[in-house]
Amino acid sequence: MALTNTSTAAGGLGKTIGDAVIAFNHVNVMYPLVTVKQAARGSNSVQFSDWTKLTSSNVTAATQATATTAVAITSAARTATISEHVIEADVSDLVLMGSGDNVDSNAGPALGNAVAAKLDADLTALGTAFSQTAAGAGSSLGLSDVFNSMRLLRAAGAPMPYSLILSPKQIWGSKGIISLLHDDAVTGTNSKPMSLMGSKGEEAFQSGYVGSIAGFNIYWSDQINEDVGSGGDAAGFAMSKGGLGLGVGAEGLFRIRSERNEAARYTAYVAVGFWGEIEIKDTYGVYILSDVS
């Protein structure tokens, strides 16, 4: 058992301290971007339907009062099985009594944030499974890759809005989106004024971020792998909301509780996430693997 004792929680012991500084993950990125369904009580799974696309070739010209050949409507079941995602911290009484760090109040948010980060990690990992791809290992991200992703999603009939979910380096790195919107190169020893790509370049230069580009809403997650296969490539992706599904437990997504162990003189803080994730429709997503090294 990893017990939080007076040696591991020394930050506020025996001191009058200011507000605690807690390192939080950037979380709650993916939940609004995927299809979410809560399991019914008595069920530990959620099923999503993936309908096969009907095209113009399925429609035939018919002669009046003549029967036509029926077309089968097919769908596949995609099942997300709910499982537990748990983090526990056991804090000794000496820490609780001797700390000015308000452990009681801070433990819950810290553990809850970790579970929320795990949710983002699970969902962003599914982005690597999309069979449609743009860019590639060892290739720098280009605006053409973003537009190609748009083309693939539109060709699949994926409903908008479209989301572009990238790693921090795929946005702010030297080979990221921001770098594509400005040019501050030098010629010889004479620097030239920074050139910007229209209003998006201005937005990037002023705010350090762009909220949308090429028809995509842009999001970032620090849970995305930025060293895939130890090759210095980041595993971003583009998708429509129907690409991924999230099944939520019958009693909700998160739960945080505490429990006393009087014999061992510590309080256990336990955060649990109840969910299962699944790819619903493969053509509603595009895997964007790009070099960020």
C-alpha atoms as a PDB file:
ATOM      1  CA  MET A   1       0.000   0.000   0.000  1.00  0.00           C
ATOM      2  CA  ALA A   2       1.294   3.463  -0.929  1.00  0.00           C
ATOM      3  CA  LEU A   3       0.379   5.403   2.204  1.00  0.00           C
ATOM      4  CA  THR A   4       0.534   9.198   2.167  1.00  0.00           C
ATOM      5  CA  ASN A   5       2.521   9.845   5.335  1.00  0.00           C
ATOM      6  CA  THR A   6       4.584  12.640   6.865  1.00  0.00           C
ATOM      7  CA  SER A   7       7.476  11.987   4.481  1.00  0.00           C
ATOM      8  CA  THR A   8       5.468  12.082   1.248  1.00  0.00           C
ATOM      9  CA  ALA A   9       3.166  14.978   2.215  1.00  0.00           C
ATOM     10  CA  ALA A  10       5.774  17.290   3.664  1.00  0.00           C
ATOM     11  CA  GLY A  11       4.634  20.345   1.718  1.00  0.00           C
ATOM     12  CA  GLY A  12       2.336  21.735   4.394  1.00  0.00           C
ATOM     13  CA  LEU A  13       3.312  19.943   7.590  1.00  0.00           C
ATOM     14  CA  GLY A  14       3.709  22.170  10.626  1.00  0.00           C
ATOM     15  CA  LYS A  15       3.520  25.358   8.563  1.00  0.00           C
ATOM     16  CA  THR A  16       1.180  28.241   7.921  1.00  0.00           C
ATOM     17  CA  ILE A  17       1.002  28.190   4.156  1.00  0.00           C
ATOM     18  CA  GLY A  18      -0.671  29.930   1.279  1.00  0.00           C
ATOM     19  CA  ASP A  19      -3.032  28.333  -1.197  1.00  0.00           C
ATOM     20  CA  ALA A  20      -1.963  24.883  -2.375  1.00  0.00           C
ATOM     21  CA  VAL A  21      -0.580  24.683  -5.882  1.00  0.00           C
ATOM     22  CA  ILE A  22      -1.888  21.478  -7.447  1.00  0.00           C
ATOM     23  CA  ALA A  23      -0.715  20.192 -10.829  1.00  0.00           C
ATOM     24  CA  PHE A  24      -3.868  19.444 -12.812  1.00  0.00           C
ATOM     25  CA  ASN A  25      -4.172  17.815 -16.215  1.00  0.00           C
ATOM     26  CA  HIS A  26      -5.994  19.579 -19.045  1.00  0.00           C
ATOM     27  CA  VAL A  27      -9.162  17.458 -19.061  1.00  0.00           C
ATOM     28  CA  ASN A  28     -12.771  17.170 -20.235  1.00  0.00           C
ATOM     29  CA  VAL A  29     -11.661  17.516 -23.844  1.00  0.00           C
ATOM     30  CA  MET A  30     -13.271  14.451 -25.385  1.00  0.00           C
ATOM     31  CA  TYR A  31     -16.582  14.038 -23.534  1.00  0.00           C
ATOM     32  CA  PRO A  32     -18.443  16.766 -25.494  1.00  0.00           C
ATOM     33  CA  LEU A  33     -16.995  15.549 -28.829  1.00  0.00           C
ATOM     34  CA  VAL A  34     -18.261  11.952 -28.838  1.00  0.00           C
ATOM     35  CA  THR A  35     -21.643  10.230 -28.791  1.00  0.00           C
ATOM     36  CA  VAL A  36     -22.582   9.592 -25.143  1.00  0.00           C
ATOM     37  CA  LYS A  37     -25.230   7.215 -23.812  1.00  0.00           C
ATOM     38  CA  GLN A  38     -25.837   6.240 -20.190  1.00  0.00           C
ATOM     39  CA  ALA A  39     -26.470   2.582 -19.393  1.00  0.00           C
ATOM     40  CA  ALA A  40     -29.860   1.662 -17.982  1.00  0.00           C
ATOM     41  CA  ARG A  41     -29.945   0.386 -14.431  1.00  0.00           C
ATOM     42  CA  GLY A  42     -29.311  -3.354 -14.458  1.00  0.00           C
ATOM     43  CA  SER A  43     -27.085  -3.110 -17.542  1.00  0.00           C
ATOM     44  CA  ASN A  44     -23.297  -2.913 -17.772  1.00  0.00           C
ATOM     45  CA  SER A  45     -23.042  -2.061 -21.461  1.00  0.00           C
ATOM     46  CA  VAL A  46     -24.306   0.401 -24.046  1.00  0.00           C
ATOM     47  CA  GLN A  47     -24.943  -0.525 -27.680  1.00  0.00           C
ATOM     48  CA  PHE A  48     -24.544   1.907 -30.569  1.00  0.00           C
ATOM     49  CA  SER A  49     -25.851   1.249 -34.089  1.00  0.00           C
ATOM     50  CA  ASP A  50     -23.601   1.735 -37.113  1.00  0.00           C
ATOM     51  CA  TRP A  51     -25.873   2.050 -40.146  1.00  0.00           C
ATOM     52  CA  THR A  52     -24.524   1.214 -43.582  1.00  0.00           C
ATOM     53  CA  LYS A  53     -24.643   4.182 -45.946  1.00  0.00           C
ATOM     54  CA  LEU A  54     -27.179   4.063 -48.775  1.00  0.00           C
ATOM     55  CA  THR A  55     -26.040   5.740 -51.995  1.00  0.00           C
ATOM     56  CA  SER A  56     -27.583   6.983 -55.216  1.00  0.00           C
ATOM     57  CA  SER A  57     -26.822   3.613 -56.818  1.00  0.00           C
ATOM     58  CA  ASN A  58     -29.424   2.077 -54.501  1.00  0.00           C
ATOM     59  CA  VAL A  59     -32.119   4.226 -56.108  1.00  0.00           C
ATOM     60  CA  THR A  60     -33.527   2.972 -59.439  1.00  0.00           C
ATOM     61  CA  ALA A  61     -35.810   4.493 -62.039  1.00  0.00           C
ATOM     62  CA  ALA A  62     -39.139   2.679 -61.939  1.00  0.00           C
ATOM     63  CA  THR A  63     -41.927   2.120 -64.418  1.00  0.00           C
ATOM     64  CA  GLN A  64     -45.342   3.197 -63.223  1.00  0.00           C
ATOM     65  CA  ALA A  65     -47.238   0.467 -61.363  1.00  0.00           C
ATOM     66  CA  THR A  66     -44.236  -1.853 -61.523  1.00  0.00           C
ATOM     67  CA  ALA A  67     -42.703  -3.368 -58.414  1.00  0.00           C
ATOM     68  CA  THR A  68     -39.071  -2.589 -57.646  1.00  0.00           C
ATOM     69  CA  THR A  69     -36.375  -4.646 -55.923  1.00  0.00           C
ATOM     70  CA  ALA A  70     -36.162  -3.963 -52.237  1.00  0.00           C
ATOM     71  CA  VAL A  71     -32.881  -2.772 -50.720  1.00  0.00           C
ATOM     72  CA  ALA A  72     -31.736  -4.220 -47.415  1.00  0.00           C
ATOM     73  CA  ILE A  73     -31.027  -1.700 -44.658  1.00  0.00           C
ATOM     74  CA  THR A  74     -28.106  -3.048 -42.642  1.00  0.00           C
ATOM     75  CA  SER A  75     -26.500  -1.964 -39.416  1.00  0.00           C
ATOM     76  CA  ALA A  76     -23.812  -3.269 -37.103  1.00  0.00           C
ATOM     77  CA  ALA A  77     -23.919  -3.257 -33.310  1.00  0.00           C
ATOM     78  CA  ARG A  78     -21.043  -1.529 -31.496  1.00  0.00           C
ATOM     79  CA  THR A  79     -20.996  -2.338 -27.807  1.00  0.00           C
ATOM     80  CA  ALA A  80     -19.227  -0.330 -25.115  1.00  0.00           C
ATOM     81  CA  THR A  81     -18.822  -2.396 -21.940  1.00  0.00           C
ATOM     82  CA  ILE A  82     -18.738  -0.376 -18.729  1.00  0.00           C
ATOM     83  CA  SER A  83     -15.702  -0.911 -16.494  1.00  0.00           C
ATOM     84  CA  GLU A  84     -14.241   0.739 -13.395  1.00  0.00           C
ATOM     85  CA  HIS A  85     -11.302   3.171 -13.523  1.00  0.00           C
ATOM     86  CA  VAL A  86      -9.974   3.712 -10.010  1.00  0.00           C
ATOM     87  CA  ILE A  87      -7.437   5.826  -8.144  1.00  0.00           C
ATOM     88  CA  GLU A  88      -7.032   5.672  -4.356  1.00  0.00           C
ATOM     89  CA  ALA A  89      -4.994   7.743  -1.918  1.00  0.00           C
ATOM     90  CA  ASP A  90      -4.616   6.637   1.704  1.00  0.00           C
ATOM     91  CA  VAL A  91      -3.712   9.550   3.989  1.00  0.00           C
ATOM     92  CA  SER A  92      -2.465   8.968   7.536  1.00  0.00           C
ATOM     93  CA  ASP A  93      -3.976  10.768  10.517  1.00  0.00           C
ATOM     94  CA  LEU A  94      -0.663  12.469  11.283  1.00  0.00           C
ATOM     95  CA  VAL A  95      -0.782  14.106   7.855  1.00  0.00           C
ATOM     96  CA  LEU A  96      -4.398  15.188   8.279  1.00  0.00           C
ATOM     97  CA  MET A  97      -3.726  16.612  11.757  1.00  0.00           C
ATOM     98  CA  GLY A  98      -0.388  18.239  11.028  1.00  0.00           C
ATOM     99  CA  SER A  99      -0.849  19.632   7.548  1.00  0.00           C
ATOM    100  CA  GLY A 100      -1.828  23.213   6.798  1.00  0.00           C
ATOM    101  CA  ASP A 101      -2.407  22.100   3.220  1.00  0.00           C
ATOM    102  CA  ASN A 102      -6.119  21.289   3.613  1.00  0.00           C
ATOM    103  CA  VAL A 103      -5.626  17.729   2.421  1.00  0.00           C
ATOM    104  CA  ASP A 104      -9.290  16.910   2.979  1.00  0.00           C
ATOM    105  CA  SER A 105     -10.476  19.512   0.484  1.00  0.00           C
ATOM    106  CA  ASN A 106      -7.683  19.105  -2.085  1.00  0.00           C
ATOM    107  CA  ALA A 107      -7.572  15.313  -2.343  1.00  0.00           C
ATOM    108  CA  GLY A 108     -10.928  15.010  -4.082  1.00  0.00           C
ATOM    109  CA  PRO A 109     -10.229  17.463  -6.926  1.00  0.00           C
ATOM    110  CA  ALA A 110      -6.744  16.020  -7.464  1.00  0.00           C
ATOM    111  CA  LEU A 111      -8.017  12.440  -7.721  1.00  0.00           C
ATOM    112  CA  GLY A 112     -11.038  13.445  -9.802  1.00  0.00           C
ATOM    113  CA  ASN A 113      -8.814  15.270 -12.242  1.00  0.00           C
ATOM    114  CA  ALA A 114      -6.693  12.137 -12.674  1.00  0.00           C
ATOM    115  CA  VAL A 115      -9.780  10.044 -13.486  1.00  0.00           C
ATOM    116  CA  ALA A 116     -10.954  12.674 -15.989  1.00  0.00           C
ATOM    117  CA  ALA A 117      -7.516  12.551 -17.619  1.00  0.00           C
ATOM    118  CA  LYS A 118      -7.871   8.768 -17.911  1.00  0.00           C
ATOM    119  CA  LEU A 119     -11.188   9.252 -19.716  1.00  0.00           C
ATOM    120  CA  ASP A 120      -9.500  11.549 -22.234  1.00  0.00           C
ATOM    121  CA  ALA A 121      -6.609   9.082 -22.578  1.00  0.00           C
ATOM    122  CA  ASP A 122      -8.960   6.188 -23.347  1.00  0.00           C
ATOM    123  CA  LEU A 123     -10.913   8.147 -25.947  1.00  0.00           C
ATOM    124  CA  THR A 124      -7.898   9.730 -27.657  1.00  0.00           C
ATOM    125  CA  ALA A 125      -6.309   6.272 -27.908  1.00  0.00           C
ATOM    126  CA  LEU A 126      -9.271   5.222 -30.058  1.00  0.00           C
ATOM    127  CA  GLY A 127      -8.329   7.938 -32.547  1.00  0.00           C
ATOM    128  CA  THR A 128      -5.308   5.880 -33.601  1.00  0.00           C
ATOM    129  CA  ALA A 129      -7.626   3.076 -34.778  1.00  0.00           C
ATOM    130  CA  PHE A 130      -9.289   5.051 -37.578  1.00  0.00           C
ATOM    131  CA  SER A 131      -8.272   3.385 -40.845  1.00  0.00           C
ATOM    132  CA  GLN A 132      -8.374   6.612 -42.851  1.00  0.00           C
ATOM    133  CA  THR A 133      -5.132   8.540 -42.434  1.00  0.00           C
ATOM    134  CA  ALA A 134      -3.510  11.882 -43.172  1.00  0.00           C
ATOM    135  CA  ALA A 135       0.154  12.954 -42.930  1.00  0.00           C
ATOM    136  CA  GLY A 136       2.107   9.933 -41.593  1.00  0.00           C
ATOM    137  CA  ALA A 137       5.135   8.857 -39.601  1.00  0.00           C
ATOM    138  CA  GLY A 138       8.064  11.189 -40.227  1.00  0.00           C
ATOM    139  CA  SER A 139       5.877  13.688 -42.129  1.00  0.00           C
ATOM    140  CA  SER A 140       5.287  17.219 -40.885  1.00  0.00           C
ATOM    141  CA  LEU A 141       1.683  18.301 -40.552  1.00  0.00           C
ATOM    142  CA  GLY A 142       0.522  20.493 -43.418  1.00  0.00           C
ATOM    143  CA  LEU A 143      -2.657  22.432 -44.097  1.00  0.00           C
ATOM    144  CA  SER A 144      -3.176  20.028 -46.999  1.00  0.00           C
ATOM    145  CA  ASP A 145      -3.491  17.220 -44.423  1.00  0.00           C
ATOM    146  CA  VAL A 146      -6.218  19.127 -42.623  1.00  0.00           C
ATOM    147  CA  PHE A 147      -8.116  19.707 -45.874  1.00  0.00           C
ATOM    148  CA  ASN A 148      -7.611  16.073 -46.872  1.00  0.00           C
ATOM    149  CA  SER A 149      -9.166  15.023 -43.566  1.00  0.00           C
ATOM    150  CA  MET A 150     -12.132  17.266 -44.368  1.00  0.00           C
ATOM    151  CA  ARG A 151     -12.436  15.625 -47.783  1.00  0.00           C
ATOM    152  CA  LEU A 152     -12.473  12.135 -46.284  1.00  0.00           C
ATOM    153  CA  LEU A 153     -15.130  12.996 -43.699  1.00  0.00           C
ATOM    154  CA  ARG A 154     -17.352  14.699 -46.266  1.00  0.00           C
ATOM    155  CA  ALA A 155     -16.976  11.773 -48.669  1.00  0.00           C
ATOM    156  CA  ALA A 156     -18.178   9.470 -45.880  1.00  0.00           C
ATOM    157  CA  GLY A 157     -21.228  11.642 -45.291  1.00  0.00           C
ATOM    158  CA  ALA A 158     -20.154  12.334 -41.732  1.00  0.00           C
ATOM    159  CA  PRO A 159     -22.411  14.960 -40.131  1.00  0.00           C
ATOM    160  CA  MET A 160     -20.868  18.198 -38.896  1.00  0.00           C
ATOM    161  CA  PRO A 161     -19.509  19.665 -36.681  1.00  0.00           C
ATOM    162  CA  TYR A 162     -16.025  18.277 -37.253  1.00  0.00           C
ATOM    163  CA  SER A 163     -13.349  18.269 -34.564  1.00  0.00           C
ATOM    164  CA  LEU A 164      -9.578  18.326 -34.936  1.00  0.00           C
ATOM    165  CA  ILE A 165      -7.998  16.863 -31.786  1.00  0.00           C
ATOM    166  CA  LEU A 166      -4.245  17.356 -31.641  1.00  0.00           C
ATOM    167  CA  SER A 167      -1.369  17.099 -29.186  1.00  0.00           C
ATOM    168  CA  PRO A 168       0.297  20.239 -27.767  1.00  0.00           C
ATOM    169  CA  LYS A 169       3.237  19.849 -30.164  1.00  0.00           C
ATOM    170  CA  GLN A 170       0.864  19.424 -33.115  1.00  0.00           C
ATOM    171  CA  ILE A 171      -0.516  22.850 -32.272  1.00  0.00           C
ATOM    172  CA  TRP A 172       2.293  24.891 -30.719  1.00  0.00           C
ATOM    173  CA  GLY A 173       5.381  22.960 -31.777  1.00  0.00           C
ATOM    174  CA  SER A 174       7.740  24.033 -34.553  1.00  0.00           C
ATOM    175  CA  LYS A 175       5.876  21.654 -36.888  1.00  0.00           C
ATOM    176  CA  GLY A 176       2.401  22.426 -35.585  1.00  0.00           C
ATOM    177  CA  ILE A 177      -0.676  24.345 -36.701  1.00  0.00           C
ATOM    178  CA  ILE A 178       0.468  27.692 -35.294  1.00  0.00           C
ATOM    179  CA  SER A 179       3.740  27.540 -37.240  1.00  0.00           C
ATOM    180  CA  LEU A 180       1.770  27.009 -40.456  1.00  0.00           C
ATOM    181  CA  LEU A 181       0.006  30.342 -39.968  1.00  0.00           C
ATOM    182  CA  HIS A 182       3.062  32.570 -39.752  1.00  0.00           C
ATOM    183  CA  ASP A 183       6.499  32.927 -41.307  1.00  0.00           C
ATOM    184  CA  ASP A 184       9.332  34.643 -39.447  1.00  0.00           C
ATOM    185  CA  ALA A 185      12.207  33.370 -41.564  1.00  0.00           C
ATOM    186  CA  VAL A 186      15.307  35.490 -42.188  1.00  0.00           C
ATOM    187  CA  THR A 187      17.142  36.218 -45.401  1.00  0.00           C
ATOM    188  CA  GLY A 188      20.871  36.393 -44.850  1.00  0.00           C
ATOM    189  CA  THR A 189      21.574  38.603 -41.859  1.00  0.00           C
ATOM    190  CA  ASN A 190      18.520  40.778 -42.385  1.00  0.00           C
ATOM    191  CA  SER A 191      15.383  39.731 -40.580  1.00  0.00           C
ATOM    192  CA  LYS A 192      12.089  40.379 -42.287  1.00  0.00           C
ATOM    193  CA  PRO A 193       8.785  41.294 -40.642  1.00  0.00           C
ATOM    194  CA  MET A 194       6.680  38.303 -39.633  1.00  0.00           C
ATOM    195  CA  SER A 195       4.174  37.421 -42.335  1.00  0.00           C
ATOM    196  CA  LEU A 196       0.821  36.086 -41.190  1.00  0.00           C
ATOM    197  CA  MET A 197      -1.797  34.008 -42.973  1.00  0.00           C
ATOM    198  CA  GLY A 198      -4.752  36.388 -42.870  1.00  0.00           C
ATOM    199  CA  SER A 199      -7.092  36.597 -39.885  1.00  0.00           C
ATOM    200  CA  LYS A 200      -6.133  33.143 -38.639  1.00  0.00           C
ATOM    201  CA  GLY A 201      -2.487  34.175 -38.525  1.00  0.00           C
ATOM    202  CA  GLU A 202      -3.478  37.310 -36.601  1.00  0.00           C
ATOM    203  CA  GLU A 203      -5.555  35.196 -34.177  1.00  0.00           C
ATOM    204  CA  ALA A 204      -2.647  32.826 -33.604  1.00  0.00           C
ATOM    205  CA  PHE A 205      -0.177  35.676 -33.108  1.00  0.00           C
ATOM    206  CA  GLN A 206      -2.396  37.599 -30.684  1.00  0.00           C
ATOM    207  CA  SER A 207      -3.929  34.801 -28.597  1.00  0.00           C
ATOM    208  CA  GLY A 208      -1.474  31.948 -29.138  1.00  0.00           C
ATOM    209  CA  TYR A 209      -4.272  29.679 -30.333  1.00  0.00           C
ATOM    210  CA  VAL A 210      -6.789  29.254 -33.132  1.00  0.00           C
ATOM    211  CA  GLY A 211     -10.215  27.885 -32.292  1.00  0.00           C
ATOM    212  CA  SER A 212     -11.018  26.707 -35.787  1.00  0.00           C
ATOM    213  CA  ILE A 213      -9.410  26.144 -39.157  1.00  0.00           C
ATOM    214  CA  ALA A 214     -10.515  24.690 -42.500  1.00  0.00           C
ATOM    215  CA  GLY A 215     -13.980  23.876 -41.166  1.00  0.00           C
ATOM    216  CA  PHE A 216     -12.702  22.111 -38.033  1.00  0.00           C
ATOM    217  CA  ASN A 217     -13.080  23.144 -34.412  1.00  0.00           C
ATOM    218  CA  ILE A 218      -9.638  22.663 -32.849  1.00  0.00           C
ATOM    219  CA  TYR A 219      -9.017  20.968 -29.492  1.00  0.00           C
ATOM    220  CA  TRP A 220      -5.870  19.762 -27.774  1.00  0.00           C
ATOM    221  CA  SER A 221      -5.178  17.035 -25.255  1.00  0.00           C
ATOM    222  CA  ASP A 222      -2.009  16.343 -23.288  1.00  0.00           C
ATOM    223  CA  GLN A 223      -3.105  12.687 -23.186  1.00  0.00           C
ATOM    224  CA  ILE A 224      -2.208  12.202 -26.865  1.00  0.00           C
ATOM    225  CA  ASN A 225       0.990  10.231 -27.414  1.00  0.00           C
ATOM    226  CA  GLU A 226       3.718  12.480 -28.853  1.00  0.00           C
ATOM    227  CA  ASP A 227       6.304   9.756 -29.359  1.00  0.00           C
ATOM    228  CA  VAL A 228       4.518   6.958 -31.194  1.00  0.00           C
ATOM    229  CA  GLY A 229       6.837   4.012 -31.672  1.00  0.00           C
ATOM    230  CA  SER A 230       9.677   6.151 -30.256  1.00  0.00           C
ATOM    231  CA  GLY A 231       9.698   7.920 -33.603  1.00  0.00           C
ATOM    232  CA  GLY A 232       8.843  11.441 -32.461  1.00  0.00           C
ATOM    233  CA  ASP A 233       5.378  11.357 -34.064  1.00  0.00           C
ATOM    234  CA  ALA A 234       2.141  12.560 -32.421  1.00  0.00           C
ATOM    235  CA  ALA A 235      -1.163  10.690 -32.714  1.00  0.00           C
ATOM    236  CA  GLY A 236      -3.778  13.347 -33.431  1.00  0.00           C
ATOM    237  CA  PHE A 237      -7.011  12.784 -35.324  1.00  0.00           C
ATOM    238  CA  ALA A 238     -10.044  14.387 -36.922  1.00  0.00           C
ATOM    239  CA  MET A 239     -13.585  13.154 -36.413  1.00  0.00           C
ATOM    240  CA  SER A 240     -17.299  13.665 -36.535  1.00  0.00           C
ATOM    241  CA  LYS A 241     -19.230  13.132 -33.303  1.00  0.00           C
ATOM    242  CA  GLY A 242     -20.574   9.770 -34.489  1.00  0.00           C
ATOM    243  CA  GLY A 243     -17.091   8.317 -34.888  1.00  0.00           C
ATOM    244  CA  LEU A 244     -16.651   7.355 -31.233  1.00  0.00           C
ATOM    245  CA  GLY A 245     -19.098   6.280 -28.550  1.00  0.00           C
ATOM    246  CA  LEU A 246     -18.924   6.517 -24.766  1.00  0.00           C
ATOM    247  CA  GLY A 247     -21.073   4.352 -22.529  1.00  0.00           C
ATOM    248  CA  VAL A 248     -21.565   5.803 -19.041  1.00  0.00           C
ATOM    249  CA  GLY A 249     -22.391   3.781 -15.928  1.00  0.00           C
ATOM    250  CA  ALA A 250     -25.983   3.618 -14.736  1.00  0.00           C
ATOM    251  CA  GLU A 251     -25.144   5.700 -11.633  1.00  0.00           C
ATOM    252  CA  GLY A 252     -23.108   8.318 -13.473  1.00  0.00           C
ATOM    253  CA  LEU A 253     -19.640   8.897 -14.856  1.00  0.00           C
ATOM    254  CA  PHE A 254     -17.652   9.706 -11.677  1.00  0.00           C
ATOM    255  CA  ARG A 255     -17.797   9.007  -7.969  1.00  0.00           C
ATOM    256  CA  ILE A 256     -15.460  10.251  -5.214  1.00  0.00           C
ATOM    257  CA  ARG A 257     -15.777   8.984  -1.658  1.00  0.00           C
ATOM    258  CA  SER A 258     -13.722   8.634   1.515  1.00  0.00           C
ATOM    259  CA  GLU A 259     -13.481   5.726   3.925  1.00  0.00           C
ATOM    260  CA  ARG A 260     -11.968   5.436   7.386  1.00  0.00           C
ATOM    261  CA  ASN A 261      -9.602   2.654   8.426  1.00  0.00           C
ATOM    262  CA  GLU A 262      -9.565   3.248  12.172  1.00  0.00           C
ATOM    263  CA  ALA A 263      -7.299   0.321  12.994  1.00  0.00           C
ATOM    264  CA  ALA A 264      -4.580   1.620  10.639  1.00  0.00           C
ATOM    265  CA  ARG A 265      -5.364   5.289  11.412  1.00  0.00           C
ATOM    266  CA  TYR A 266      -5.755   6.603   7.902  1.00  0.00           C
ATOM    267  CA  THR A 267      -8.477   7.872   5.579  1.00  0.00           C
ATOM    268  CA  ALA A 268      -8.819   6.386   2.106  1.00  0.00           C
ATOM    269  CA  TYR A 269      -9.928   8.707  -0.694  1.00  0.00           C
ATOM    270  CA  VAL A 270     -11.233   6.806  -3.708  1.00  0.00           C
ATOM    271  CA  ALA A 271     -12.208   8.227  -7.102  1.00  0.00           C
ATOM    272  CA  VAL A 272     -13.903   5.905  -9.604  1.00  0.00           C
ATOM    273  CA  GLY A 273     -14.917   6.433 -13.217  1.00  0.00           C
ATOM    274  CA  PHE A 274     -17.557   4.185 -14.791  1.00  0.00           C
ATOM    275  CA  TRP A 275     -17.368   4.060 -18.569  1.00  0.00           C
ATOM    276  CA  GLY A 276     -16.628   2.062 -21.694  1.00  0.00           C
ATOM    277  CA  GLU A 277     -15.496   3.465 -25.047  1.00  0.00           C
ATOM    278  CA  ILE A 278     -15.949   2.122 -28.572  1.00  0.00           C
ATOM    279  CA  GLU A 279     -15.367   3.118 -32.194  1.00  0.00           C
ATOM    280  CA  ILE A 280     -18.814   3.386 -33.782  1.00  0.00           C
ATOM    281  CA  LYS A 281     -18.152   4.336 -37.399  1.00  0.00           C
ATOM    282  CA  ASP A 282     -14.640   4.048 -38.792  1.00  0.00           C
ATOM    283  CA  THR A 283     -15.199   6.356 -41.773  1.00  0.00           C
ATOM    284  CA  TYR A 284     -16.243   9.180 -39.439  1.00  0.00           C
ATOM    285  CA  GLY A 285     -12.653   9.641 -38.302  1.00  0.00           C
ATOM    286  CA  VAL A 286      -9.173  10.257 -39.718  1.00  0.00           C
ATOM    287  CA  TYR A 287      -5.934   9.338 -37.924  1.00  0.00           C
ATOM    288  CA  ILE A 288      -3.420  12.199 -38.241  1.00  0.00           C
ATOM    289  CA  LEU A 289       0.032  10.914 -37.324  1.00  0.00           C
ATOM    290  CA  SER A 290       2.631  13.643 -37.812  1.00  0.00           C
ATOM    291  CA  ASP A 291       6.254  14.346 -36.953  1.00  0.00           C
ATOM    292  CA  VAL A 292       6.725  16.661 -33.977  1.00  0.00           C
ATOM    293  CA  SER A 293      10.368  15.926 -33.174  1.00  0.00           C
END
